[in-house]
C-alpha atoms as a PDB file:
ATOM      1  CA  MET A   1     -12.835 -13.693 -20.635  1.00  0.00           C
ATOM      2  CA  LEU A   2     -12.401 -12.884 -24.332  1.00  0.00           C
ATOM      3  CA  LEU A   3     -14.314  -9.780 -25.409  1.00  0.00           C
ATOM      4  CA  LEU A   4     -13.343  -9.004 -28.979  1.00  0.00           C
ATOM      5  CA  ARG A   5     -10.896 -10.295 -31.517  1.00  0.00           C
ATOM      6  CA  ASN A   6      -9.637  -9.298 -34.943  1.00  0.00           C
ATOM      7  CA  MET A   7      -7.028 -10.913 -37.168  1.00  0.00           C
ATOM      8  CA  ASN A   8      -4.097  -9.577 -35.154  1.00  0.00           C
ATOM      9  CA  GLU A   9      -5.331  -8.709 -31.663  1.00  0.00           C
ATOM     10  CA  LYS A  10      -7.668  -9.845 -28.919  1.00  0.00           C
ATOM     11  CA  LEU A  11      -8.782  -8.392 -25.593  1.00  0.00           C
ATOM     12  CA  VAL A  12      -8.701 -10.780 -22.654  1.00  0.00           C
ATOM     13  CA  TYR A  13      -9.302 -10.104 -18.962  1.00  0.00           C
ATOM     14  CA  LEU A  14      -6.910 -11.907 -16.619  1.00  0.00           C
ATOM     15  CA  SER A  15      -6.328 -12.016 -12.885  1.00  0.00           C
ATOM     16  CA  PHE A  16      -3.886  -9.453 -11.514  1.00  0.00           C
ATOM     17  CA  SER A  17      -1.812 -12.335 -10.138  1.00  0.00           C
ATOM     18  CA  ASP A  18      -1.784 -14.339 -13.381  1.00  0.00           C
ATOM     19  CA  GLU A  19       1.817 -15.239 -14.233  1.00  0.00           C
ATOM     20  CA  ARG A  20       1.384 -13.881 -17.765  1.00  0.00           C
ATOM     21  CA  VAL A  21       0.294 -10.527 -16.356  1.00  0.00           C
ATOM     22  CA  VAL A  22       3.137 -10.361 -13.835  1.00  0.00           C
ATOM     23  CA  SER A  23       5.765 -11.209 -16.445  1.00  0.00           C
ATOM     24  CA  ALA A  24       4.415  -8.767 -19.043  1.00  0.00           C
ATOM     25  CA  TRP A  25       3.945  -5.971 -16.493  1.00  0.00           C
ATOM     26  CA  LYS A  26       7.496  -6.247 -15.176  1.00  0.00           C
ATOM     27  CA  SER A  27       8.866  -6.211 -18.729  1.00  0.00           C
ATOM     28  CA  MET A  28       6.916  -3.012 -19.505  1.00  0.00           C
ATOM     29  CA  GLU A  29       8.104  -1.018 -16.515  1.00  0.00           C
ATOM     30  CA  THR A  30      10.586   1.705 -17.452  1.00  0.00           C
ATOM     31  CA  PRO A  31      13.241   3.475 -15.327  1.00  0.00           C
ATOM     32  CA  GLU A  32      11.371   6.799 -15.258  1.00  0.00           C
ATOM     33  CA  MET A  33       7.863   5.370 -14.847  1.00  0.00           C
ATOM     34  CA  SER A  34       5.727   6.750 -12.029  1.00  0.00           C
ATOM     35  CA  PRO A  35       6.028   4.524  -8.947  1.00  0.00           C
ATOM     36  CA  PHE A  36       2.218   4.489  -8.813  1.00  0.00           C
ATOM     37  CA  LEU A  37       2.297   2.336 -11.960  1.00  0.00           C
ATOM     38  CA  HIS A  38       4.742  -0.257 -10.628  1.00  0.00           C
ATOM     39  CA  TYR A  39       3.298  -3.744 -10.289  1.00  0.00           C
ATOM     40  CA  ASP A  40       4.680  -4.070  -6.754  1.00  0.00           C
ATOM     41  CA  TYR A  41       2.852  -0.898  -5.710  1.00  0.00           C
ATOM     42  CA  LEU A  42      -0.452  -1.804  -7.352  1.00  0.00           C
ATOM     43  CA  ARG A  43      -0.292  -5.208  -5.696  1.00  0.00           C
ATOM     44  CA  TYR A  44      -1.208  -3.409  -2.462  1.00  0.00           C
ATOM     45  CA  VAL A  45      -4.046  -1.544  -4.209  1.00  0.00           C
ATOM     46  CA  TYR A  46      -5.288  -4.883  -5.544  1.00  0.00           C
ATOM     47  CA  THR A  47      -5.284  -6.505  -2.096  1.00  0.00           C
ATOM     48  CA  CYS A  48      -6.940  -3.498  -0.433  1.00  0.00           C
ATOM     49  CA  THR A  49      -9.608  -3.381  -3.141  1.00  0.00           C
ATOM     50  CA  ARG A  50     -10.506  -7.025  -2.659  1.00  0.00           C
ATOM     51  CA  LEU A  51     -10.840  -6.528   1.103  1.00  0.00           C
ATOM     52  CA  THR A  52     -12.653  -3.198   1.317  1.00  0.00           C
ATOM     53  CA  ARG A  53     -14.452  -2.331  -1.930  1.00  0.00           C
ATOM     54  CA  PRO A  54     -17.381  -3.813  -3.865  1.00  0.00           C
ATOM     55  CA  TYR A  55     -15.394  -4.336  -7.059  1.00  0.00           C
ATOM     56  CA  ARG A  56     -13.693  -7.161  -8.899  1.00  0.00           C
ATOM     57  CA  PRO A  57     -10.123  -6.224  -9.876  1.00  0.00           C
ATOM     58  CA  LYS A  58      -8.879  -7.523 -13.221  1.00  0.00           C
ATOM     59  CA  VAL A  59      -6.321  -6.683 -15.887  1.00  0.00           C
ATOM     60  CA  ALA A  60      -7.370  -5.897 -19.442  1.00  0.00           C
ATOM     61  CA  CYS A  61      -4.736  -7.423 -21.728  1.00  0.00           C
ATOM     62  CA  ILE A  62      -4.355  -6.869 -25.456  1.00  0.00           C
ATOM     63  CA  PHE A  63      -2.725  -9.923 -27.008  1.00  0.00           C
ATOM     64  CA  ARG A  64      -0.984 -10.226 -30.347  1.00  0.00           C
ATOM     65  CA  GLY A  65      -0.743 -13.947 -30.775  1.00  0.00           C
ATOM     66  CA  ASN A  66       0.518 -15.211 -27.430  1.00  0.00           C
ATOM     67  CA  GLU A  67       2.167 -11.931 -26.458  1.00  0.00           C
ATOM     68  CA  ILE A  68       0.646  -9.168 -24.298  1.00  0.00           C
ATOM     69  CA  VAL A  69       1.344  -5.781 -25.918  1.00  0.00           C
ATOM     70  CA  MET A  70      -0.833  -3.588 -23.658  1.00  0.00           C
ATOM     71  CA  LEU A  71      -2.364  -3.985 -20.228  1.00  0.00           C
ATOM     72  CA  LEU A  72      -4.585  -1.863 -18.028  1.00  0.00           C
ATOM     73  CA  ALA A  73      -5.578  -2.660 -14.442  1.00  0.00           C
ATOM     74  CA  VAL A  74      -9.305  -2.124 -13.872  1.00  0.00           C
ATOM     75  CA  MET A  75     -12.067  -2.837 -11.380  1.00  0.00           C
ATOM     76  CA  THR A  76     -15.496  -3.999 -12.492  1.00  0.00           C
ATOM     77  CA  SER A  77     -18.697  -3.560 -10.550  1.00  0.00           C
ATOM     78  CA  LEU A  78     -20.216  -6.707  -9.078  1.00  0.00           C
ATOM     79  CA  ASP A  79     -22.788  -6.858 -11.873  1.00  0.00           C
ATOM     80  CA  GLY A  80     -20.062  -6.371 -14.499  1.00  0.00           C
ATOM     81  CA  ARG A  81     -21.747  -3.390 -16.152  1.00  0.00           C
ATOM     82  CA  TYR A  82     -19.317  -0.696 -15.029  1.00  0.00           C
ATOM     83  CA  LEU A  83     -15.512  -0.272 -14.937  1.00  0.00           C
ATOM     84  CA  LYS A  84     -13.013   2.073 -13.383  1.00  0.00           C
ATOM     85  CA  LEU A  85      -9.230   2.042 -13.183  1.00  0.00           C
ATOM     86  CA  MET A  86      -7.793   0.060 -10.292  1.00  0.00           C
ATOM     87  CA  GLY A  87      -5.454   2.911  -9.367  1.00  0.00           C
ATOM     88  CA  ASP A  88      -8.307   5.420  -9.129  1.00  0.00           C
ATOM     89  CA  ILE A  89      -8.188   5.392  -5.348  1.00  0.00           C
ATOM     90  CA  GLN A  90      -7.117   7.792  -2.616  1.00  0.00           C
ATOM     91  CA  GLY A  91      -3.354   7.677  -2.163  1.00  0.00           C
ATOM     92  CA  CYS A  92      -2.610   6.654  -5.756  1.00  0.00           C
ATOM     93  CA  ASP A  93      -1.833   9.670  -7.892  1.00  0.00           C
ATOM     94  CA  ARG A  94      -1.373   8.225 -11.350  1.00  0.00           C
ATOM     95  CA  CYS A  95      -3.067   5.725 -13.635  1.00  0.00           C
ATOM     96  CA  ASP A  96      -2.234   4.610 -17.142  1.00  0.00           C
ATOM     97  CA  ALA A  97      -1.945   1.651 -19.456  1.00  0.00           C
ATOM     98  CA  LEU A  98       1.386  -0.077 -20.001  1.00  0.00           C
ATOM     99  CA  TRP A  99       2.669  -1.021 -23.451  1.00  0.00           C
ATOM    100  CA  LYS A 100       5.331  -3.289 -24.839  1.00  0.00           C
ATOM    101  CA  PRO A 101       8.433  -1.031 -24.850  1.00  0.00           C
ATOM    102  CA  SER A 102       9.247  -1.624 -28.530  1.00  0.00           C
ATOM    103  CA  LEU A 103       5.890  -0.223 -29.718  1.00  0.00           C
ATOM    104  CA  SER A 104       6.025   3.212 -31.318  1.00  0.00           C
ATOM    105  CA  GLU A 105       3.710   5.988 -30.160  1.00  0.00           C
ATOM    106  CA  GLU A 106       1.461   5.409 -33.164  1.00  0.00           C
ATOM    107  CA  GLU A 107       1.362   1.666 -32.476  1.00  0.00           C
ATOM    108  CA  ARG A 108       0.414   2.382 -28.858  1.00  0.00           C
ATOM    109  CA  ARG A 109      -2.409   4.629 -29.982  1.00  0.00           C
ATOM    110  CA  ALA A 110      -3.604   1.962 -32.424  1.00  0.00           C
ATOM    111  CA  VAL A 111      -3.674  -0.680 -29.675  1.00  0.00           C
ATOM    112  CA  ALA A 112      -5.521   1.760 -27.388  1.00  0.00           C
ATOM    113  CA  ARG A 113      -8.104   2.401 -30.137  1.00  0.00           C
ATOM    114  CA  PHE A 114      -8.665  -1.337 -30.380  1.00  0.00           C
ATOM    115  CA  PHE A 115      -9.158  -1.481 -26.615  1.00  0.00           C
ATOM    116  CA  PHE A 116     -11.835   1.223 -26.629  1.00  0.00           C
ATOM    117  CA  ALA A 117     -13.552  -0.411 -29.601  1.00  0.00           C
ATOM    118  CA  ALA A 118     -13.642  -3.682 -27.686  1.00  0.00           C
ATOM    119  CA  GLU A 119     -14.547  -2.345 -24.246  1.00  0.00           C
ATOM    120  CA  ARG A 120     -17.938  -0.674 -24.624  1.00  0.00           C
ATOM    121  CA  ARG A 121     -19.200  -0.621 -21.041  1.00  0.00           C
ATOM    122  CA  LYS A 122     -19.609   2.439 -18.831  1.00  0.00           C
ATOM    123  CA  PHE A 123     -16.066   3.370 -17.882  1.00  0.00           C
ATOM    124  CA  LYS A 124     -14.445   5.896 -15.534  1.00  0.00           C
ATOM    125  CA  ILE A 125     -10.911   6.423 -16.791  1.00  0.00           C
ATOM    126  CA  HIS A 126      -9.346   8.799 -14.275  1.00  0.00           C
ATOM    127  CA  ARG A 127      -5.928  10.143 -13.211  1.00  0.00           C
ATOM    128  CA  ILE A 128      -4.361   9.846 -16.664  1.00  0.00           C
ATOM    129  CA  GLU A 129      -1.435  12.231 -17.049  1.00  0.00           C
ATOM    130  CA  ASP A 130      -1.216  14.444 -20.110  1.00  0.00           C
ATOM    131  CA  GLY A 131       0.854  12.764 -22.800  1.00  0.00           C
ATOM    132  CA  SER A 132      -0.567   9.276 -22.398  1.00  0.00           C
ATOM    133  CA  PRO A 133      -1.536   7.616 -25.707  1.00  0.00           C
ATOM    134  CA  LEU A 134      -4.833   6.705 -24.019  1.00  0.00           C
ATOM    135  CA  LEU A 135      -5.865  10.357 -23.974  1.00  0.00           C
ATOM    136  CA  ASP A 136      -5.121  10.748 -27.679  1.00  0.00           C
ATOM    137  CA  VAL A 137      -7.722   8.145 -28.621  1.00  0.00           C
ATOM    138  CA  ILE A 138     -10.489   8.631 -26.041  1.00  0.00           C
ATOM    139  CA  PRO A 139     -13.735   8.111 -28.027  1.00  0.00           C
ATOM    140  CA  GLN A 140     -15.127  11.624 -27.768  1.00  0.00           C
ATOM    141  CA  GLU A 141     -18.642  10.540 -28.749  1.00  0.00           C
ATOM    142  CA  ARG A 142     -18.802   8.533 -25.505  1.00  0.00           C
ATOM    143  CA  VAL A 143     -17.515  11.257 -23.165  1.00  0.00           C
ATOM    144  CA  VAL A 144     -20.109  12.494 -20.656  1.00  0.00           C
ATOM    145  CA  ARG A 145     -17.782  14.259 -18.228  1.00  0.00           C
ATOM    146  CA  VAL A 146     -14.236  15.625 -18.237  1.00  0.00           C
ATOM    147  CA  ASN A 147     -12.303  16.909 -15.252  1.00  0.00           C
ATOM    148  CA  VAL A 148      -8.693  18.116 -15.149  1.00  0.00           C
ATOM    149  CA  GLU A 149      -6.781  17.925 -11.870  1.00  0.00           C
ATOM    150  CA  PRO A 150      -3.610  19.900 -11.053  1.00  0.00           C
ATOM    151  CA  TYR A 151      -0.421  18.260  -9.808  1.00  0.00           C
ATOM    152  CA  VAL A 152       2.829  19.905  -8.713  1.00  0.00           C
ATOM    153  CA  HIS A 153       6.471  18.873  -9.001  1.00  0.00           C
ATOM    154  CA  ILE A 154       9.725  20.623  -8.125  1.00  0.00           C
ATOM    155  CA  PRO A 155      12.601  19.742 -10.474  1.00  0.00           C
ATOM    156  CA  LEU A 156      15.958  20.859  -9.110  1.00  0.00           C
ATOM    157  CA  THR A 157      18.088  22.031 -12.019  1.00  0.00           C
ATOM    158  CA  THR A 158      20.455  24.026  -9.835  1.00  0.00           C
ATOM    159  CA  ASP A 159      21.782  24.179  -6.273  1.00  0.00           C
ATOM    160  CA  ILE A 160      19.369  24.779  -3.419  1.00  0.00           C
ATOM    161  CA  ASP A 161      20.461  28.368  -2.707  1.00  0.00           C
ATOM    162  CA  SER A 162      19.932  29.331  -6.332  1.00  0.00           C
ATOM    163  CA  HIS A 163      16.546  27.617  -6.274  1.00  0.00           C
ATOM    164  CA  ILE A 164      15.453  29.511  -3.157  1.00  0.00           C
ATOM    165  CA  ALA A 165      16.634  32.755  -4.756  1.00  0.00           C
ATOM    166  CA  THR A 166      14.007  32.230  -7.495  1.00  0.00           C
ATOM    167  CA  LEU A 167      11.158  32.188  -4.966  1.00  0.00           C
ATOM    168  CA  SER A 168       9.098  35.281  -4.240  1.00  0.00           C
ATOM    169  CA  SER A 169      10.412  37.721  -1.656  1.00  0.00           C
ATOM    170  CA  SER A 170       7.473  36.978   0.658  1.00  0.00           C
ATOM    171  CA  VAL A 171       8.160  33.231   0.549  1.00  0.00           C
ATOM    172  CA  ARG A 172      11.865  33.764   1.179  1.00  0.00           C
ATOM    173  CA  GLN A 173      10.927  35.925   4.161  1.00  0.00           C
ATOM    174  CA  ASN A 174       8.563  33.245   5.464  1.00  0.00           C
ATOM    175  CA  ILE A 175      11.363  30.676   5.243  1.00  0.00           C
ATOM    176  CA  ARG A 176      13.773  32.965   7.091  1.00  0.00           C
ATOM    177  CA  THR A 177      11.134  33.634   9.745  1.00  0.00           C
ATOM    178  CA  ALA A 178      10.547  29.897  10.290  1.00  0.00           C
ATOM    179  CA  TYR A 179      14.251  29.208  10.761  1.00  0.00           C
ATOM    180  CA  ASN A 180      14.723  32.292  12.962  1.00  0.00           C
ATOM    181  CA  ARG A 181      11.834  31.321  15.237  1.00  0.00           C
ATOM    182  CA  MET A 182      13.277  27.859  15.745  1.00  0.00           C
ATOM    183  CA  ASN A 183      16.717  29.291  16.459  1.00  0.00           C
ATOM    184  CA  ARG A 184      15.332  31.896  18.858  1.00  0.00           C
ATOM    185  CA  ASP A 185      13.326  29.305  20.813  1.00  0.00           C
ATOM    186  CA  GLY A 186      16.140  26.784  20.959  1.00  0.00           C
ATOM    187  CA  ILE A 187      14.554  24.247  18.629  1.00  0.00           C
ATOM    188  CA  GLN A 188      17.413  22.237  17.170  1.00  0.00           C
ATOM    189  CA  PHE A 189      15.721  20.492  14.292  1.00  0.00           C
ATOM    190  CA  ARG A 190      17.261  17.723  12.253  1.00  0.00           C
ATOM    191  CA  LEU A 191      16.215  15.895   9.110  1.00  0.00           C
ATOM    192  CA  GLU A 192      16.392  12.119   8.951  1.00  0.00           C
ATOM    193  CA  ILE A 193      15.966  10.145   5.733  1.00  0.00           C
ATOM    194  CA  PHE A 194      14.835   6.527   5.531  1.00  0.00           C
ATOM    195  CA  ASP A 195      15.082   4.679   2.231  1.00  0.00           C
ATOM    196  CA  SER A 196      16.505   1.464   0.770  1.00  0.00           C
ATOM    197  CA  GLU A 197      19.903   2.175   2.315  1.00  0.00           C
ATOM    198  CA  ARG A 198      18.345   2.844   5.716  1.00  0.00           C
ATOM    199  CA  PRO A 199      14.945   1.142   5.967  1.00  0.00           C
ATOM    200  CA  ILE A 200      12.512   2.676   8.404  1.00  0.00           C
ATOM    201  CA  ASP A 201      12.277   0.722  11.661  1.00  0.00           C
ATOM    202  CA  ASP A 202       9.006  -0.406  13.236  1.00  0.00           C
ATOM    203  CA  LYS A 203       9.077   2.070  16.140  1.00  0.00           C
ATOM    204  CA  THR A 204       9.704   5.047  13.867  1.00  0.00           C
ATOM    205  CA  TRP A 205       6.949   3.881  11.550  1.00  0.00           C
ATOM    206  CA  LYS A 206       4.492   3.569  14.432  1.00  0.00           C
ATOM    207  CA  ASP A 207       5.380   7.059  15.694  1.00  0.00           C
ATOM    208  CA  LEU A 208       4.913   8.402  12.184  1.00  0.00           C
ATOM    209  CA  MET A 209       1.552   6.707  11.775  1.00  0.00           C
ATOM    210  CA  ASP A 210       0.403   7.958  15.176  1.00  0.00           C
ATOM    211  CA  LEU A 211       1.172  11.518  14.079  1.00  0.00           C
ATOM    212  CA  TYR A 212      -0.497  10.949  10.708  1.00  0.00           C
ATOM    213  CA  PHE A 213      -3.682   9.525  12.190  1.00  0.00           C
ATOM    214  CA  SER A 214      -3.791  12.192  14.908  1.00  0.00           C
ATOM    215  CA  ARG A 215      -3.546  14.886  12.241  1.00  0.00           C
ATOM    216  CA  LEU A 216      -6.115  13.126  10.057  1.00  0.00           C
ATOM    217  CA  PHE A 217      -8.434  12.660  13.027  1.00  0.00           C
ATOM    218  CA  SER A 218      -8.196  16.342  13.892  1.00  0.00           C
ATOM    219  CA  LYS A 219      -8.671  17.553  10.313  1.00  0.00           C
ATOM    220  CA  TYR A 220     -11.583  15.263   9.413  1.00  0.00           C
ATOM    221  CA  LYS A 221     -13.060  14.701  12.862  1.00  0.00           C
ATOM    222  CA  SER A 222     -16.682  14.931  11.756  1.00  0.00           C
ATOM    223  CA  LYS A 223     -16.129  12.205   9.141  1.00  0.00           C
ATOM    224  CA  LEU A 224     -13.927   9.857  11.143  1.00  0.00           C
ATOM    225  CA  VAL A 225     -15.713   9.875  14.473  1.00  0.00           C
ATOM    226  CA  GLY A 226     -18.877   7.953  15.218  1.00  0.00           C
ATOM    227  CA  ASN A 227     -18.040   6.241  18.480  1.00  0.00           C
ATOM    228  CA  ILE A 228     -15.057   4.581  20.149  1.00  0.00           C
ATOM    229  CA  PHE A 229     -15.541   1.371  18.171  1.00  0.00           C
ATOM    230  CA  SER A 230     -15.769   3.151  14.815  1.00  0.00           C
ATOM    231  CA  ARG A 231     -12.609   5.123  15.564  1.00  0.00           C
ATOM    232  CA  TRP A 232     -10.812   1.880  16.469  1.00  0.00           C
ATOM    233  CA  LYS A 233     -12.047   0.356  13.207  1.00  0.00           C
ATOM    234  CA  GLN A 234     -10.895   3.370  11.198  1.00  0.00           C
ATOM    235  CA  LYS A 235      -7.512   3.297  12.901  1.00  0.00           C
ATOM    236  CA  PHE A 236      -7.147  -0.421  12.203  1.00  0.00           C
ATOM    237  CA  ILE A 237      -7.900   0.147   8.505  1.00  0.00           C
ATOM    238  CA  TYR A 238      -5.447   3.047   8.226  1.00  0.00           C
ATOM    239  CA  TYR A 239      -2.682   1.169  10.035  1.00  0.00           C
ATOM    240  CA  ARG A 240      -3.193  -2.407   8.785  1.00  0.00           C
ATOM    241  CA  VAL A 241      -5.263  -2.483   5.598  1.00  0.00           C
ATOM    242  CA  LYS A 242      -4.913   0.661   3.476  1.00  0.00           C
ATOM    243  CA  HIS A 243      -2.808   0.157   0.390  1.00  0.00           C
ATOM    244  CA  ASP A 244      -0.881   3.419   0.746  1.00  0.00           C
ATOM    245  CA  THR A 245       0.120   2.660   4.349  1.00  0.00           C
ATOM    246  CA  LEU A 246       1.333  -0.837   3.484  1.00  0.00           C
ATOM    247  CA  SER A 247       3.132   0.118   0.278  1.00  0.00           C
ATOM    248  CA  LEU A 248       4.875   3.122   1.812  1.00  0.00           C
ATOM    249  CA  HIS A 249       5.958   0.998   4.751  1.00  0.00           C
ATOM    250  CA  HIS A 250       7.175  -2.119   2.974  1.00  0.00           C
ATOM    251  CA  LEU A 251       8.277  -1.308  -0.575  1.00  0.00           C
ATOM    252  CA  PRO A 252      12.060  -1.083  -1.040  1.00  0.00           C
ATOM    253  CA  ASN A 253      11.719   2.106  -3.128  1.00  0.00           C
ATOM    254  CA  SER A 254       9.943   3.954  -0.304  1.00  0.00           C
ATOM    255  CA  PHE A 255      11.327   7.288   0.888  1.00  0.00           C
ATOM    256  CA  HIS A 256      10.626   8.879   4.267  1.00  0.00           C
ATOM    257  CA  ALA A 257      11.826  12.308   5.380  1.00  0.00           C
ATOM    258  CA  ILE A 258      11.214  13.223   9.023  1.00  0.00           C
ATOM    259  CA  LEU A 259      11.899  16.569  10.695  1.00  0.00           C
ATOM    260  CA  TYR A 260      12.686  16.084  14.384  1.00  0.00           C
ATOM    261  CA  ASN A 261      12.964  18.294  17.431  1.00  0.00           C
ATOM    262  CA  GLY A 262      14.927  16.064  19.752  1.00  0.00           C
ATOM    263  CA  GLU A 263      13.053  12.744  19.624  1.00  0.00           C
ATOM    264  CA  ARG A 264       9.729  14.295  18.653  1.00  0.00           C
ATOM    265  CA  MET A 265       8.518  14.438  15.059  1.00  0.00           C
ATOM    266  CA  MET A 266       7.638  17.915  13.855  1.00  0.00           C
ATOM    267  CA  ALA A 267       6.704  16.929  10.303  1.00  0.00           C
ATOM    268  CA  PHE A 268       7.198  14.125   7.815  1.00  0.00           C
ATOM    269  CA  MET A 269       6.658  13.137   4.212  1.00  0.00           C
ATOM    270  CA  ASN A 270       6.295   9.642   2.737  1.00  0.00           C
ATOM    271  CA  GLY A 271       7.029   8.896  -0.876  1.00  0.00           C
ATOM    272  CA  LEU A 272       8.135   6.372  -3.476  1.00  0.00           C
ATOM    273  CA  LYS A 273      11.075   6.591  -5.855  1.00  0.00           C
ATOM    274  CA  THR A 274      11.072   5.835  -9.554  1.00  0.00           C
ATOM    275  CA  HIS A 275      13.148   2.858 -10.693  1.00  0.00           C
ATOM    276  CA  ASP A 276      15.970   5.140 -11.828  1.00  0.00           C
ATOM    277  CA  GLY A 277      15.978   6.852  -8.430  1.00  0.00           C
ATOM    278  CA  LYS A 278      15.683  10.341  -9.939  1.00  0.00           C
ATOM    279  CA  VAL A 279      12.208  11.263  -8.696  1.00  0.00           C
ATOM    280  CA  VAL A 280      10.477  10.818  -5.364  1.00  0.00           C
ATOM    281  CA  ALA A 281       6.678  11.127  -5.509  1.00  0.00           C
ATOM    282  CA  VAL A 282       5.079  12.127  -2.203  1.00  0.00           C
ATOM    283  CA  PRO A 283       1.441  11.195  -1.489  1.00  0.00           C
ATOM    284  CA  ARG A 284       1.623  11.943   2.266  1.00  0.00           C
ATOM    285  CA  LEU A 285       2.867  14.945   4.206  1.00  0.00           C
ATOM    286  CA  ALA A 286       1.791  15.898   7.726  1.00  0.00           C
ATOM    287  CA  ILE A 287       2.886  18.189  10.539  1.00  0.00           C
ATOM    288  CA  ASP A 288       2.501  18.148  14.301  1.00  0.00           C
ATOM    289  CA  ALA A 289       0.006  20.964  14.894  1.00  0.00           C
ATOM    290  CA  ASP A 290       1.772  21.875  18.148  1.00  0.00           C
ATOM    291  CA  TYR A 291       4.656  23.197  16.017  1.00  0.00           C
ATOM    292  CA  ARG A 292       2.471  25.154  13.593  1.00  0.00           C
ATOM    293  CA  PHE A 293       3.976  28.459  14.755  1.00  0.00           C
ATOM    294  CA  TYR A 294       7.344  27.360  13.320  1.00  0.00           C
ATOM    295  CA  SER A 295       6.016  26.432   9.853  1.00  0.00           C
ATOM    296  CA  PRO A 296       7.572  22.951   9.958  1.00  0.00           C
ATOM    297  CA  GLY A 297       6.051  22.045   6.594  1.00  0.00           C
ATOM    298  CA  TYR A 298       8.028  24.815   4.880  1.00  0.00           C
ATOM    299  CA  VAL A 299      11.198  23.807   6.698  1.00  0.00           C
ATOM    300  CA  LEU A 300      10.694  20.135   5.856  1.00  0.00           C
ATOM    301  CA  VAL A 301      10.306  20.857   2.130  1.00  0.00           C
ATOM    302  CA  VAL A 302      13.354  23.136   2.116  1.00  0.00           C
ATOM    303  CA  GLU A 303      15.473  20.542   3.913  1.00  0.00           C
ATOM    304  CA  VAL A 304      14.323  17.754   1.591  1.00  0.00           C
ATOM    305  CA  LEU A 305      15.122  19.930  -1.437  1.00  0.00           C
ATOM    306  CA  ARG A 306      18.529  20.569   0.095  1.00  0.00           C
ATOM    307  CA  TYR A 307      18.983  16.811   0.474  1.00  0.00           C
ATOM    308  CA  ILE A 308      17.914  16.186  -3.133  1.00  0.00           C
ATOM    309  CA  ALA A 309      20.252  18.900  -4.435  1.00  0.00           C
ATOM    310  CA  SER A 310      23.210  17.226  -2.740  1.00  0.00           C
ATOM    311  CA  HIS A 311      22.190  13.674  -3.686  1.00  0.00           C
ATOM    312  CA  PRO A 312      24.118  12.018  -6.550  1.00  0.00           C
ATOM    313  CA  VAL A 313      20.973  10.607  -8.208  1.00  0.00           C
ATOM    314  CA  LEU A 314      17.795  12.372  -6.997  1.00  0.00           C
ATOM    315  CA  GLU A 315      16.670  15.281  -9.173  1.00  0.00           C
ATOM    316  CA  GLU A 316      13.008  15.982  -8.450  1.00  0.00           C
ATOM    317  CA  LEU A 317      10.429  16.165  -5.685  1.00  0.00           C
ATOM    318  CA  ASP A 318       6.958  15.376  -7.002  1.00  0.00           C
ATOM    319  CA  LEU A 319       4.352  16.654  -4.548  1.00  0.00           C
ATOM    320  CA  SER A 320       1.602  14.895  -6.488  1.00  0.00           C
ATOM    321  CA  ARG A 321      -2.096  15.671  -6.667  1.00  0.00           C
ATOM    322  CA  GLY A 322      -3.347  19.100  -5.626  1.00  0.00           C
ATOM    323  CA  ASP A 323      -2.077  22.646  -6.096  1.00  0.00           C
ATOM    324  CA  GLU A 324      -1.917  23.685  -2.439  1.00  0.00           C
ATOM    325  CA  LYS A 325      -0.264  27.062  -1.923  1.00  0.00           C
ATOM    326  CA  TYR A 326       2.834  25.740  -0.156  1.00  0.00           C
ATOM    327  CA  LYS A 327       3.709  23.582  -3.184  1.00  0.00           C
ATOM    328  CA  LEU A 328       3.683  26.538  -5.564  1.00  0.00           C
ATOM    329  CA  ASP A 329       5.371  28.783  -3.008  1.00  0.00           C
ATOM    330  CA  MET A 330       8.340  26.413  -2.977  1.00  0.00           C
ATOM    331  CA  GLY A 331       8.886  26.708  -6.731  1.00  0.00           C
ATOM    332  CA  GLY A 332       6.523  23.962  -7.796  1.00  0.00           C
ATOM    333  CA  ILE A 333       5.547  23.609 -11.449  1.00  0.00           C
ATOM    334  CA  LEU A 334       2.052  22.568 -12.452  1.00  0.00           C
ATOM    335  CA  TYR A 335       1.232  19.546 -14.562  1.00  0.00           C
ATOM    336  CA  HIS A 336      -2.132  17.864 -15.035  1.00  0.00           C
ATOM    337  CA  ALA A 337      -4.028  14.602 -15.158  1.00  0.00           C
ATOM    338  CA  SER A 338      -7.454  14.124 -16.695  1.00  0.00           C
ATOM    339  CA  ASP A 339     -10.592  12.262 -15.645  1.00  0.00           C
ATOM    340  CA  PHE A 340     -12.965  11.011 -18.348  1.00  0.00           C
ATOM    341  CA  ASP A 341     -16.340   9.373 -17.756  1.00  0.00           C
ATOM    342  CA  LEU A 342     -17.469   7.311 -20.725  1.00  0.00           C
ATOM    343  CA  LYS A 343     -20.993   6.116 -21.363  1.00  0.00           C
ATOM    344  CA  ALA A 344     -21.788   2.587 -22.438  1.00  0.00           C
ATOM    345  CA  VAL A 345     -22.472   1.918 -26.105  1.00  0.00           C
ATOM    346  CA  ARG A 346     -24.010  -1.057 -27.871  1.00  0.00           C
END
């Protein structure tokens, strides 16, 4: 579908699986790009959307001649009058457009201006991190709502002991208490990492998902429970359909850190690495509530930071959306993403 054209550029909507989209997308991915923007990750969002949501996923492509210079994955309502970003979904923590790598920042902003001039429908453009050229050219006269969400990351610029020394005295005491309680009660924890060098096996994944769903079921019981059939349906969706479950399980850049007591999981985190392997972004973290007394979440984060500090490539743990206290306690640094709701214009 061609929406608008000038002498140099045109906006065309293509299928997410169109070969032109796949080729252009892969060529625009950069080593440091958020894993939530990778084509292989969003492929799971695309499939999940088609199965479970009343939207039509598409990709907005700006062409110069026969070449795509910008693309943005979107979902349109069934009547076509409303759009939102395809990655604006639980479990995906970042959205943005992609540009041809050779374009300058000013050229990217110019292409984005053309996009907004061409796309005049009601549009929710959410989860855009500060610094994106899209935010520089949002048509302010169309904005009806703005919301800014906090995110937290922990860059390790030093060794783990020096990092812990920068934490508040109360947090350091809490960490010592957690380790001392485990030692006193004979809990011999261990951290196991699963990644591209050691892919997670099916049994471990099932055990992890059982803990995740049990924790989710307990935390959101009033929302998840209707009857036995509805719980089975919800479990089936979480295990077999949800994009974040499937991507975290199957993508080669997935990262899983599990804290064990013997053969029992105390806590885990699931994440995805950037192409350059320097950052792991974590959308899921859960603990076994039976071990709450030992603060396994604190211990898990400390042990993962210790692992990152000793790793030859990893440099940062991105704890993603939300500014929960434990993230900031562990030396997390805030960054932000913005949500803009745009009204339609004629």
